[in-house]
Amino acid sequence: MVIPGNELSFVLEEYSNPAGDVVMRQSKAANEFAFQYYHRLQEIKRFTEEHYAEEISLKKAARIAGLEKKYFSTFFHRKVGVGFKHWLTHLRVARAMDLMNAEDYTISEVAYSAGFKDIRTFERAFKKCT
C-alpha cells in the first residue's frame, strides 16, 4: 500500500520472517507523482528506463535534466524522496526481477543485463531492495 505524501511516500511491505510469521515493514519509496509533475524528472525517468543497463552517473543525469550536478542531486532528492543512485538501484533490481521471472537466465546474466558491474554489487542491492 502506497501512502502518497508531499515529498515522500512509504511502502508497507509484507514478508515472512524465519519463524514463518507475517510481518509488515515500512520502507522508503519514490514519490512517483514527482515524475509526472516535473518535466526534468520525466526526462530522467525516460532516459534511465531506456538505458538502465548502461553506466549512468549523477553528472550524466544532471546533464540530461539540464541542471548543475549539485542542484540536480538536491532537486531529485527533495522531489522524489530518495537519492538518484538509490532510485536507480531500485529500478535496476526491479528489472532484474522481471528478467528472473521471464526467462531462465543465470544470476550473472541477470546482473549484467540489469546494469550491475559485478555479481557482488547485484547481490547486495538485491538483498537491500527485496
Protein backbone atom coordinates (compact mmCIF):
# COMPACT_ATOMS: atom_id res chain seq x y z
CA MET A 1 0.00 0.00 0.00
CA VAL A 2 1.49 3.35 -1.01
CA ILE A 3 0.68 6.37 1.11
CA PRO A 4 1.26 9.49 -1.02
CA GLY A 5 2.94 12.45 0.58
CA ASN A 6 4.20 15.83 -0.46
CA GLU A 7 7.78 14.73 -0.94
CA LEU A 8 7.98 11.19 0.36
CA SER A 9 5.80 8.16 0.45
CA PHE A 10 6.32 4.90 2.23
CA VAL A 11 5.54 1.36 1.21
CA LEU A 12 4.27 -1.15 3.71
CA GLU A 13 5.74 -4.46 2.65
CA GLU A 14 4.51 -7.82 3.80
CA TYR A 15 7.09 -10.55 4.30
CA SER A 16 7.62 -13.66 6.37
CA ASN A 17 10.35 -13.83 8.95
CA PRO A 18 12.34 -17.05 9.59
CA ALA A 19 9.75 -18.19 12.16
CA GLY A 20 7.05 -18.02 9.47
CA ASP A 21 5.22 -15.02 10.95
CA VAL A 22 3.83 -12.49 8.51
CA VAL A 23 5.34 -9.11 9.32
CA MET A 24 4.79 -5.62 7.88
CA ARG A 25 7.75 -3.31 7.46
CA GLN A 26 7.94 0.27 6.31
CA SER A 27 10.47 1.25 3.69
CA LYS A 28 11.17 4.35 1.65
CA ALA A 29 9.64 4.51 -1.79
CA ALA A 30 9.97 7.05 -4.53
CA ASN A 31 7.28 9.66 -4.96
CA GLU A 32 6.09 8.61 -8.42
CA PHE A 33 3.89 11.71 -8.72
CA ALA A 34 7.02 13.85 -9.00
CA PHE A 35 7.93 12.15 -12.28
CA GLN A 36 4.56 13.09 -13.72
CA TYR A 37 4.65 16.68 -12.48
CA TYR A 38 8.22 17.82 -13.21
CA HIS A 39 9.38 17.81 -16.83
CA ARG A 40 13.04 17.42 -15.86
CA LEU A 41 12.23 14.30 -13.85
CA GLN A 42 10.17 12.91 -16.73
CA GLU A 43 13.27 13.19 -18.93
CA ILE A 44 15.43 11.41 -16.36
CA LYS A 45 12.90 8.61 -15.90
CA ARG A 46 12.50 8.11 -19.65
CA PHE A 47 16.27 8.06 -20.17
CA THR A 48 17.01 5.66 -17.31
CA GLU A 49 14.23 3.27 -18.32
CA GLU A 50 15.76 3.08 -21.80
CA HIS A 51 19.42 2.99 -20.70
CA TYR A 52 19.35 1.38 -17.22
CA ALA A 53 21.90 -1.26 -18.27
CA GLU A 54 24.48 1.45 -19.03
CA GLU A 55 26.66 3.45 -16.66
CA ILE A 56 24.57 6.45 -15.55
CA SER A 57 26.48 8.85 -13.35
CA LEU A 58 24.95 11.67 -11.35
CA LYS A 59 26.76 14.10 -13.67
CA LYS A 60 25.21 12.49 -16.75
CA ALA A 61 21.74 12.52 -15.19
CA ALA A 62 22.13 16.18 -14.28
CA ARG A 63 23.15 16.99 -17.85
CA ILE A 64 20.05 15.21 -19.19
CA ALA A 65 17.87 17.17 -16.78
CA GLY A 66 19.62 20.39 -17.79
CA LEU A 67 20.79 21.15 -14.27
CA GLU A 68 24.08 21.54 -12.42
CA LYS A 69 25.15 18.32 -10.66
CA LYS A 70 24.82 19.53 -7.06
CA TYR A 71 21.48 21.24 -7.69
CA PHE A 72 20.15 18.17 -9.54
CA SER A 73 21.06 15.93 -6.62
CA THR A 74 19.21 18.17 -4.17
CA PHE A 75 16.26 18.68 -6.53
CA PHE A 76 15.88 14.96 -7.19
CA HIS A 77 16.06 14.04 -3.50
CA ARG A 78 13.57 16.73 -2.44
CA LYS A 79 11.03 15.94 -5.14
CA VAL A 80 11.33 12.15 -5.33
CA GLY A 81 12.15 11.46 -1.69
CA VAL A 82 15.22 9.30 -2.29
CA GLY A 83 18.59 9.99 -3.85
CA PHE A 84 19.19 9.40 -7.55
CA LYS A 85 21.59 6.47 -7.07
CA HIS A 86 19.19 4.83 -4.60
CA TRP A 87 16.32 5.21 -7.08
CA LEU A 88 18.44 3.90 -9.95
CA THR A 89 19.47 0.86 -7.92
CA HIS A 90 15.83 0.06 -7.16
CA LEU A 91 14.98 0.43 -10.84
CA ARG A 92 17.76 -1.98 -11.79
CA VAL A 93 16.72 -4.52 -9.16
CA ALA A 94 13.14 -4.35 -10.44
CA ARG A 95 14.38 -5.02 -13.98
CA ALA A 96 16.49 -7.91 -12.71
CA MET A 97 13.44 -9.41 -11.02
CA ASP A 98 11.49 -9.08 -14.28
CA LEU A 99 14.28 -10.94 -16.09
CA MET A 100 14.34 -13.69 -13.46
CA ASN A 101 10.60 -14.19 -13.77
CA ALA A 102 10.51 -14.06 -17.57
CA GLU A 103 13.40 -16.25 -18.67
CA ASP A 104 15.82 -18.88 -17.48
CA TYR A 105 18.94 -16.72 -17.10
CA THR A 106 21.87 -17.27 -14.78
CA ILE A 107 22.32 -14.80 -11.93
CA SER A 108 25.36 -13.27 -13.63
CA GLU A 109 23.42 -12.75 -16.89
CA VAL A 110 20.60 -11.10 -14.93
CA ALA A 111 23.02 -8.86 -13.01
CA TYR A 112 24.88 -7.63 -16.09
CA SER A 113 21.68 -7.21 -18.12
CA ALA A 114 20.19 -5.08 -15.37
CA GLY A 115 23.20 -2.74 -15.32
CA PHE A 116 25.23 -4.03 -12.38
CA LYS A 117 29.01 -4.13 -12.87
CA ASP A 118 29.59 -7.27 -10.82
CA ILE A 119 27.73 -10.05 -9.05
CA ARG A 120 28.61 -8.90 -5.53
CA THR A 121 27.12 -5.43 -6.11
CA PHE A 122 23.99 -7.04 -7.52
CA GLU A 123 23.67 -9.39 -4.54
CA ARG A 124 23.97 -6.53 -2.03
CA ALA A 125 21.48 -4.37 -3.94
CA PHE A 126 19.03 -7.25 -4.35
CA LYS A 127 19.18 -8.10 -0.65
CA LYS A 128 18.72 -4.44 0.33
CA CYS A 129 15.82 -3.82 -2.07
CA THR A 130 13.83 -7.02 -1.56
